[in-house]
Full PDB file with SEQRES, HELIX, SHEET, SSBOND, CRYST1, ORIGX, SCALE, CONECT and MASTER records, all heavy atoms in Angstrom:
SEQRES   1 A   32  GLY VAL VAL PHE GLU CYS PHE ASP THR THR GLY THR VAL          
SEQRES   2 A   32  GLY ARG SER VAL PHE GLY GLY GLY ARG TYR ASP ASP LEU          
SEQRES   3 A   32  ILE GLU GLY PHE GLY GLY                                      
HELIX    1 AA1 LEU A   26  GLY A   29  1                                   4    
SHEET    1 AA1 2 VAL A   3  CYS A   6  0                                        
SHEET    2 AA1 2 PHE A  18  GLY A  21 -1                                        
CRYST1    1.000    1.000    1.000  90.00  90.00  90.00 P 1           1          
ORIGX1      1.000000  0.000000  0.000000        0.00000                         
ORIGX2      0.000000  1.000000  0.000000        0.00000                         
ORIGX3      0.000000  0.000000  1.000000        0.00000                         
SCALE1      1.000000  0.000000  0.000000        0.00000                         
SCALE2      0.000000  1.000000  0.000000        0.00000                         
SCALE3      0.000000  0.000000  1.000000        0.00000                         
ATOM      1  N   GLY A   1       0.812  -1.206   0.000  1.00  0.00           N  
ATOM      2  CA  GLY A   1       0.000   0.000   0.000  1.00  0.00           C  
ATOM      3  C   GLY A   1       0.842   1.251   0.000  1.00  0.00           C  
ATOM      4  O   GLY A   1       1.734   1.417  -0.835  1.00  0.00           O  
ATOM      5  N   VAL A   2       0.563   2.129   0.953  1.00  0.00           N  
ATOM      6  CA  VAL A   2       1.344   3.364   1.077  1.00  0.00           C  
ATOM      7  C   VAL A   2       2.794   3.028   1.391  1.00  0.00           C  
ATOM      8  O   VAL A   2       3.080   2.178   2.243  1.00  0.00           O  
ATOM      9  CB  VAL A   2       0.751   4.262   2.178  1.00  0.00           C  
ATOM     10  CG1 VAL A   2       1.711   5.390   2.542  1.00  0.00           C  
ATOM     11  CG2 VAL A   2      -0.580   4.845   1.729  1.00  0.00           C  
ATOM     12  N   VAL A   3       3.726   3.662   0.698  1.00  0.00           N  
ATOM     13  CA  VAL A   3       5.159   3.533   0.962  1.00  0.00           C  
ATOM     14  C   VAL A   3       5.749   4.938   1.012  1.00  0.00           C  
ATOM     15  O   VAL A   3       5.188   5.884   0.445  1.00  0.00           O  
ATOM     16  CB  VAL A   3       5.885   2.696  -0.126  1.00  0.00           C  
ATOM     17  CG1 VAL A   3       5.476   1.238  -0.055  1.00  0.00           C  
ATOM     18  CG2 VAL A   3       5.612   3.260  -1.521  1.00  0.00           C  
ATOM     19  N   PHE A   4       6.872   5.059   1.700  1.00  0.00           N  
ATOM     20  CA  PHE A   4       7.514   6.375   1.755  1.00  0.00           C  
ATOM     21  C   PHE A   4       8.999   6.218   2.008  1.00  0.00           C  
ATOM     22  O   PHE A   4       9.463   5.202   2.510  1.00  0.00           O  
ATOM     23  CB  PHE A   4       6.887   7.253   2.839  1.00  0.00           C  
ATOM     24  CG  PHE A   4       7.206   6.841   4.251  1.00  0.00           C  
ATOM     25  CD1 PHE A   4       8.252   7.430   4.940  1.00  0.00           C  
ATOM     26  CD2 PHE A   4       6.468   5.855   4.886  1.00  0.00           C  
ATOM     27  CE1 PHE A   4       8.563   7.053   6.239  1.00  0.00           C  
ATOM     28  CE2 PHE A   4       6.764   5.471   6.184  1.00  0.00           C  
ATOM     29  CZ  PHE A   4       7.806   6.073   6.865  1.00  0.00           C  
ATOM     30  N   GLU A   5       9.740   7.255   1.641  1.00  0.00           N  
ATOM     31  CA  GLU A   5      11.171   7.328   1.924  1.00  0.00           C  
ATOM     32  C   GLU A   5      11.492   8.738   2.414  1.00  0.00           C  
ATOM     33  O   GLU A   5      10.887   9.722   1.974  1.00  0.00           O  
ATOM     34  CB  GLU A   5      12.004   6.984   0.690  1.00  0.00           C  
ATOM     35  CG  GLU A   5      11.899   5.524   0.291  1.00  0.00           C  
ATOM     36  CD  GLU A   5      12.827   5.149  -0.846  1.00  0.00           C  
ATOM     37  OE1 GLU A   5      13.267   6.069  -1.582  1.00  0.00           O  
ATOM     38  OE2 GLU A   5      13.119   3.966  -1.012  1.00  0.00           O  
ATOM     39  N   CYS A   6      12.452   8.812   3.324  1.00  0.00           N  
ATOM     40  CA  CYS A   6      12.908  10.095   3.863  1.00  0.00           C  
ATOM     41  C   CYS A   6      14.139  10.544   3.084  1.00  0.00           C  
ATOM     42  O   CYS A   6      15.069   9.753   2.867  1.00  0.00           O  
ATOM     43  CB  CYS A   6      13.242   9.943   5.344  1.00  0.00           C  
ATOM     44  SG  CYS A   6      13.998  11.414   6.090  1.00  0.00           S  
ATOM     45  N   PHE A   7      14.151  11.805   2.669  1.00  0.00           N  
ATOM     46  CA  PHE A   7      15.280  12.365   1.933  1.00  0.00           C  
ATOM     47  C   PHE A   7      15.739  13.678   2.561  1.00  0.00           C  
ATOM     48  O   PHE A   7      14.945  14.412   3.159  1.00  0.00           O  
ATOM     49  CB  PHE A   7      14.906  12.622   0.471  1.00  0.00           C  
ATOM     50  CG  PHE A   7      14.953  11.400  -0.393  1.00  0.00           C  
ATOM     51  CD1 PHE A   7      13.847  10.576  -0.499  1.00  0.00           C  
ATOM     52  CD2 PHE A   7      16.108  11.058  -1.078  1.00  0.00           C  
ATOM     53  CE1 PHE A   7      13.883   9.443  -1.287  1.00  0.00           C  
ATOM     54  CE2 PHE A   7      16.159   9.922  -1.876  1.00  0.00           C  
ATOM     55  CZ  PHE A   7      15.043   9.108  -1.976  1.00  0.00           C  
ATOM     56  N   ASP A   8      17.021  13.943   2.413  1.00  0.00           N  
ATOM     57  CA  ASP A   8      17.623  15.222   2.776  1.00  0.00           C  
ATOM     58  C   ASP A   8      17.159  16.265   1.759  1.00  0.00           C  
ATOM     59  O   ASP A   8      17.382  16.101   0.556  1.00  0.00           O  
ATOM     60  CB  ASP A   8      19.149  15.064   2.754  1.00  0.00           C  
ATOM     61  CG  ASP A   8      19.897  16.357   3.029  1.00  0.00           C  
ATOM     62  OD1 ASP A   8      19.249  17.393   3.275  1.00  0.00           O  
ATOM     63  OD2 ASP A   8      21.137  16.334   2.985  1.00  0.00           O  
ATOM     64  N   THR A   9      16.493  17.328   2.223  1.00  0.00           N  
ATOM     65  CA  THR A   9      15.958  18.318   1.293  1.00  0.00           C  
ATOM     66  C   THR A   9      17.042  19.071   0.530  1.00  0.00           C  
ATOM     67  O   THR A   9      16.781  19.608  -0.541  1.00  0.00           O  
ATOM     68  CB  THR A   9      15.071  19.337   2.030  1.00  0.00           C  
ATOM     69  OG1 THR A   9      15.830  19.916   3.106  1.00  0.00           O  
ATOM     70  CG2 THR A   9      13.828  18.678   2.591  1.00  0.00           C  
ATOM     71  N   THR A  10      18.257  19.108   1.078  1.00  0.00           N  
ATOM     72  CA  THR A  10      19.337  19.832   0.388  1.00  0.00           C  
ATOM     73  C   THR A  10      20.028  18.973  -0.660  1.00  0.00           C  
ATOM     74  O   THR A  10      20.797  19.484  -1.465  1.00  0.00           O  
ATOM     75  CB  THR A  10      20.395  20.328   1.387  1.00  0.00           C  
ATOM     76  OG1 THR A  10      21.126  19.203   1.905  1.00  0.00           O  
ATOM     77  CG2 THR A  10      19.754  21.100   2.529  1.00  0.00           C  
ATOM     78  N   GLY A  11      19.791  17.652  -0.615  1.00  0.00           N  
ATOM     79  CA  GLY A  11      20.437  16.754  -1.555  1.00  0.00           C  
ATOM     80  C   GLY A  11      21.862  16.391  -1.186  1.00  0.00           C  
ATOM     81  O   GLY A  11      22.532  15.660  -1.927  1.00  0.00           O  
ATOM     82  N   THR A  12      22.348  16.878  -0.052  1.00  0.00           N  
ATOM     83  CA  THR A  12      23.718  16.568   0.361  1.00  0.00           C  
ATOM     84  C   THR A  12      23.887  15.072   0.629  1.00  0.00           C  
ATOM     85  O   THR A  12      24.889  14.470   0.234  1.00  0.00           O  
ATOM     86  CB  THR A  12      24.090  17.375   1.616  1.00  0.00           C  
ATOM     87  OG1 THR A  12      23.914  18.764   1.350  1.00  0.00           O  
ATOM     88  CG2 THR A  12      25.542  17.107   2.015  1.00  0.00           C  
ATOM     89  N   VAL A  13      22.922  14.488   1.322  1.00  0.00           N  
ATOM     90  CA  VAL A  13      22.908  13.033   1.480  1.00  0.00           C  
ATOM     91  C   VAL A  13      22.219  12.490   0.242  1.00  0.00           C  
ATOM     92  O   VAL A  13      21.003  12.599   0.084  1.00  0.00           O  
ATOM     93  CB  VAL A  13      22.152  12.602   2.756  1.00  0.00           C  
ATOM     94  CG1 VAL A  13      22.161  11.088   2.903  1.00  0.00           C  
ATOM     95  CG2 VAL A  13      22.774  13.257   3.985  1.00  0.00           C  
ATOM     96  N   GLY A  14      22.984  11.927  -0.647  1.00  0.00           N  
ATOM     97  CA  GLY A  14      22.498  11.622  -1.985  1.00  0.00           C  
ATOM     98  C   GLY A  14      21.700  10.361  -2.135  1.00  0.00           C  
ATOM     99  O   GLY A  14      21.556   9.849  -3.253  1.00  0.00           O  
ATOM    100  N   ARG A  15      21.166   9.828  -1.063  1.00  0.00           N  
ATOM    101  CA  ARG A  15      20.357   8.621  -1.159  1.00  0.00           C  
ATOM    102  C   ARG A  15      19.269   8.693  -0.096  1.00  0.00           C  
ATOM    103  O   ARG A  15      19.272   9.576   0.762  1.00  0.00           O  
ATOM    104  CB  ARG A  15      21.213   7.369  -0.944  1.00  0.00           C  
ATOM    105  CG  ARG A  15      22.047   7.394   0.314  1.00  0.00           C  
ATOM    106  CD  ARG A  15      22.709   6.066   0.593  1.00  0.00           C  
ATOM    107  NE  ARG A  15      21.701   5.017   0.793  1.00  0.00           N  
ATOM    108  CZ  ARG A  15      21.983   3.821   1.278  1.00  0.00           C  
ATOM    109  NH1 ARG A  15      23.220   3.522   1.600  1.00  0.00           N  
ATOM    110  NH2 ARG A  15      21.047   2.934   1.438  1.00  0.00           N  
ATOM    111  N   SER A  16      18.347   7.768  -0.160  1.00  0.00           N  
ATOM    112  CA  SER A  16      17.287   7.710   0.840  1.00  0.00           C  
ATOM    113  C   SER A  16      17.893   7.549   2.233  1.00  0.00           C  
ATOM    114  O   SER A  16      18.809   6.750   2.433  1.00  0.00           O  
ATOM    115  CB  SER A  16      16.358   6.530   0.531  1.00  0.00           C  
ATOM    116  OG  SER A  16      15.483   6.273   1.598  1.00  0.00           O  
ATOM    117  N   VAL A  17      17.391   8.332   3.186  1.00  0.00           N  
ATOM    118  CA  VAL A  17      17.868   8.223   4.560  1.00  0.00           C  
ATOM    119  C   VAL A  17      17.276   6.991   5.228  1.00  0.00           C  
ATOM    120  O   VAL A  17      17.958   6.247   5.923  1.00  0.00           O  
ATOM    121  CB  VAL A  17      17.516   9.496   5.358  1.00  0.00           C  
ATOM    122  CG1 VAL A  17      17.990   9.387   6.803  1.00  0.00           C  
ATOM    123  CG2 VAL A  17      18.137  10.723   4.694  1.00  0.00           C  
ATOM    124  N   PHE A  18      15.987   6.751   5.017  1.00  0.00           N  
ATOM    125  CA  PHE A  18      15.324   5.530   5.474  1.00  0.00           C  
ATOM    126  C   PHE A  18      13.957   5.472   4.808  1.00  0.00           C  
ATOM    127  O   PHE A  18      13.551   6.394   4.101  1.00  0.00           O  
ATOM    128  CB  PHE A  18      15.187   5.474   7.003  1.00  0.00           C  
ATOM    129  CG  PHE A  18      14.395   6.595   7.614  1.00  0.00           C  
ATOM    130  CD1 PHE A  18      13.002   6.576   7.630  1.00  0.00           C  
ATOM    131  CD2 PHE A  18      15.032   7.683   8.193  1.00  0.00           C  
ATOM    132  CE1 PHE A  18      12.267   7.611   8.184  1.00  0.00           C  
ATOM    133  CE2 PHE A  18      14.303   8.725   8.762  1.00  0.00           C  
ATOM    134  CZ  PHE A  18      12.916   8.682   8.750  1.00  0.00           C  
ATOM    135  N   GLY A  19      13.237   4.383   5.021  1.00  0.00           N  
ATOM    136  CA  GLY A  19      11.927   4.247   4.399  1.00  0.00           C  
ATOM    137  C   GLY A  19      11.040   3.286   5.149  1.00  0.00           C  
ATOM    138  O   GLY A  19      11.446   2.647   6.123  1.00  0.00           O  
ATOM    139  N   GLY A  20       9.813   3.181   4.665  1.00  0.00           N  
ATOM    140  CA  GLY A  20       8.854   2.277   5.280  1.00  0.00           C  
ATOM    141  C   GLY A  20       7.611   2.168   4.437  1.00  0.00           C  
ATOM    142  O   GLY A  20       7.549   2.691   3.315  1.00  0.00           O  
ATOM    143  N   GLY A  21       6.605   1.493   4.976  1.00  0.00           N  
ATOM    144  CA  GLY A  21       5.368   1.346   4.232  1.00  0.00           C  
ATOM    145  C   GLY A  21       4.504   0.224   4.762  1.00  0.00           C  
ATOM    146  O   GLY A  21       4.801  -0.398   5.793  1.00  0.00           O  
ATOM    147  N   ARG A  22       3.448  -0.059   4.019  1.00  0.00           N  
ATOM    148  CA  ARG A  22       2.462  -1.065   4.424  1.00  0.00           C  
ATOM    149  C   ARG A  22       2.770  -2.397   3.750  1.00  0.00           C  
ATOM    150  O   ARG A  22       3.097  -2.442   2.567  1.00  0.00           O  
ATOM    151  CB  ARG A  22       1.057  -0.565   4.050  1.00  0.00           C  
ATOM    152  CG  ARG A  22      -0.059  -1.526   4.441  1.00  0.00           C  
ATOM    153  CD  ARG A  22      -1.403  -0.846   4.455  1.00  0.00           C  
ATOM    154  NE  ARG A  22      -1.562   0.001   5.636  1.00  0.00           N  
ATOM    155  CZ  ARG A  22      -1.905  -0.452   6.841  1.00  0.00           C  
ATOM    156  NH1 ARG A  22      -2.089  -1.758   7.032  1.00  0.00           N  
ATOM    157  NH2 ARG A  22      -2.038   0.382   7.851  1.00  0.00           N  
ATOM    158  N   TYR A  23       2.629  -3.481   4.538  1.00  0.00           N  
ATOM    159  CA  TYR A  23       2.860  -4.833   4.016  1.00  0.00           C  
ATOM    160  C   TYR A  23       1.788  -5.769   4.572  1.00  0.00           C  
ATOM    161  O   TYR A  23       2.016  -6.576   5.455  1.00  0.00           O  
ATOM    162  CB  TYR A  23       4.284  -5.311   4.337  1.00  0.00           C  
ATOM    163  CG  TYR A  23       4.716  -5.200   5.778  1.00  0.00           C  
ATOM    164  CD1 TYR A  23       4.697  -6.312   6.621  1.00  0.00           C  
ATOM    165  CD2 TYR A  23       5.163  -3.982   6.308  1.00  0.00           C  
ATOM    166  CE1 TYR A  23       5.098  -6.228   7.941  1.00  0.00           C  
ATOM    167  CE2 TYR A  23       5.560  -3.887   7.628  1.00  0.00           C  
ATOM    168  CZ  TYR A  23       5.533  -5.009   8.431  1.00  0.00           C  
ATOM    169  OH  TYR A  23       5.923  -4.922   9.754  1.00  0.00           O  
ATOM    170  N   ASP A  24       0.593  -5.679   3.987  1.00  0.00           N  
ATOM    171  CA  ASP A  24      -0.575  -6.355   4.538  1.00  0.00           C  
ATOM    172  C   ASP A  24      -0.596  -7.866   4.323  1.00  0.00           C  
ATOM    173  O   ASP A  24      -1.357  -8.566   4.998  1.00  0.00           O  
ATOM    174  CB  ASP A  24      -1.850  -5.751   3.940  1.00  0.00           C  
ATOM    175  CG  ASP A  24      -2.154  -4.373   4.507  1.00  0.00           C  
ATOM    176  OD1 ASP A  24      -1.559  -4.013   5.541  1.00  0.00           O  
ATOM    177  OD2 ASP A  24      -2.990  -3.660   3.912  1.00  0.00           O  
ATOM    178  N   ASP A  25       0.189  -8.378   3.391  1.00  0.00           N  
ATOM    179  CA  ASP A  25       0.096  -9.803   3.059  1.00  0.00           C  
ATOM    180  C   ASP A  25       1.161 -10.667   3.730  1.00  0.00           C  
ATOM    181  O   ASP A  25       1.105 -11.899   3.637  1.00  0.00           O  
ATOM    182  CB  ASP A  25       0.203  -9.991   1.537  1.00  0.00           C  
ATOM    183  CG  ASP A  25      -0.928  -9.300   0.784  1.00  0.00           C  
ATOM    184  OD1 ASP A  25      -1.998  -9.105   1.402  1.00  0.00           O  
ATOM    185  OD2 ASP A  25      -0.732  -8.960  -0.396  1.00  0.00           O  
ATOM    186  N   LEU A  26       2.113 -10.049   4.411  1.00  0.00           N  
ATOM    187  CA  LEU A  26       3.273 -10.811   4.872  1.00  0.00           C  
ATOM    188  C   LEU A  26       2.911 -11.798   5.985  1.00  0.00           C  
ATOM    189  O   LEU A  26       3.389 -12.939   5.989  1.00  0.00           O  
ATOM    190  CB  LEU A  26       4.378  -9.872   5.350  1.00  0.00           C  
ATOM    191  CG  LEU A  26       5.752 -10.523   5.547  1.00  0.00           C  
ATOM    192  CD1 LEU A  26       6.265 -11.099   4.236  1.00  0.00           C  
ATOM    193  CD2 LEU A  26       6.749  -9.512   6.088  1.00  0.00           C  
ATOM    194  N   ILE A  27       2.092 -11.396   6.931  1.00  0.00           N  
ATOM    195  CA  ILE A  27       1.747 -12.295   8.033  1.00  0.00           C  
ATOM    196  C   ILE A  27       1.029 -13.536   7.508  1.00  0.00           C  
ATOM    197  O   ILE A  27       1.342 -14.671   7.902  1.00  0.00           O  
ATOM    198  CB  ILE A  27       0.862 -11.567   9.068  1.00  0.00           C  
ATOM    199  CG1 ILE A  27       1.565 -10.325   9.606  1.00  0.00           C  
ATOM    200  CG2 ILE A  27       0.483 -12.513  10.208  1.00  0.00           C  
ATOM    201  CD1 ILE A  27       2.867 -10.591  10.300  1.00  0.00           C  
ATOM    202  N   GLU A  28       0.098 -13.336   6.605  1.00  0.00           N  
ATOM    203  CA  GLU A  28      -0.606 -14.471   6.010  1.00  0.00           C  
ATOM    204  C   GLU A  28       0.362 -15.354   5.231  1.00  0.00           C  
ATOM    205  O   GLU A  28       0.259 -16.578   5.240  1.00  0.00           O  
ATOM    206  CB  GLU A  28      -1.726 -13.976   5.097  1.00  0.00           C  
ATOM    207  CG  GLU A  28      -2.641 -15.071   4.590  1.00  0.00           C  
ATOM    208  CD  GLU A  28      -3.809 -14.519   3.793  1.00  0.00           C  
ATOM    209  OE1 GLU A  28      -3.856 -13.285   3.569  1.00  0.00           O  
ATOM    210  OE2 GLU A  28      -4.678 -15.312   3.394  1.00  0.00           O  
ATOM    211  N   GLY A  29       1.324 -14.726   4.575  1.00  0.00           N  
ATOM    212  CA  GLY A  29       2.329 -15.492   3.836  1.00  0.00           C  
ATOM    213  C   GLY A  29       3.208 -16.343   4.727  1.00  0.00           C  
ATOM    214  O   GLY A  29       3.805 -17.320   4.275  1.00  0.00           O  
ATOM    215  N   PHE A  30       3.287 -15.985   6.009  1.00  0.00           N  
ATOM    216  CA  PHE A  30       4.051 -16.771   6.979  1.00  0.00           C  
ATOM    217  C   PHE A  30       3.176 -17.802   7.696  1.00  0.00           C  
ATOM    218  O   PHE A  30       3.601 -18.418   8.670  1.00  0.00           O  
ATOM    219  CB  PHE A  30       4.699 -15.847   8.012  1.00  0.00           C  
ATOM    220  CG  PHE A  30       6.037 -15.321   7.583  1.00  0.00           C  
ATOM    221  CD1 PHE A  30       6.146 -14.421   6.548  1.00  0.00           C  
ATOM    222  CD2 PHE A  30       7.196 -15.736   8.211  1.00  0.00           C  
ATOM    223  CE1 PHE A  30       7.382 -13.932   6.148  1.00  0.00           C  
ATOM    224  CE2 PHE A  30       8.441 -15.249   7.826  1.00  0.00           C  
ATOM    225  CZ  PHE A  30       8.531 -14.349   6.786  1.00  0.00           C  
ATOM    226  N   GLY A  31       1.947 -17.977   7.201  1.00  0.00           N  
ATOM    227  CA  GLY A  31       1.083 -18.988   7.779  1.00  0.00           C  
ATOM    228  C   GLY A  31       0.123 -18.472   8.829  1.00  0.00           C  
ATOM    229  O   GLY A  31      -0.573 -19.269   9.471  1.00  0.00           O  
ATOM    230  N   GLY A  32       0.053 -17.158   9.023  1.00  0.00           N  
ATOM    231  CA  GLY A  32      -0.835 -16.599  10.021  1.00  0.00           C  
ATOM    232  C   GLY A  32      -2.168 -16.173   9.439  1.00  0.00           C  
ATOM    233  O   GLY A  32      -2.427 -16.321   8.239  1.00  0.00           O  
TER     234      GLY A  32                                                      
MASTER        0    0    0    1    2    0    0    6  233    1    0    3          
END                                                                             
């Protein structure tokens, strides 16, 4: 579903700082 990544607004850190998002199917995929 929704996903996001954190970025440095100045561009000095030239890659994603961190990220996250929704993963609704993973628990069921593990047998839950």
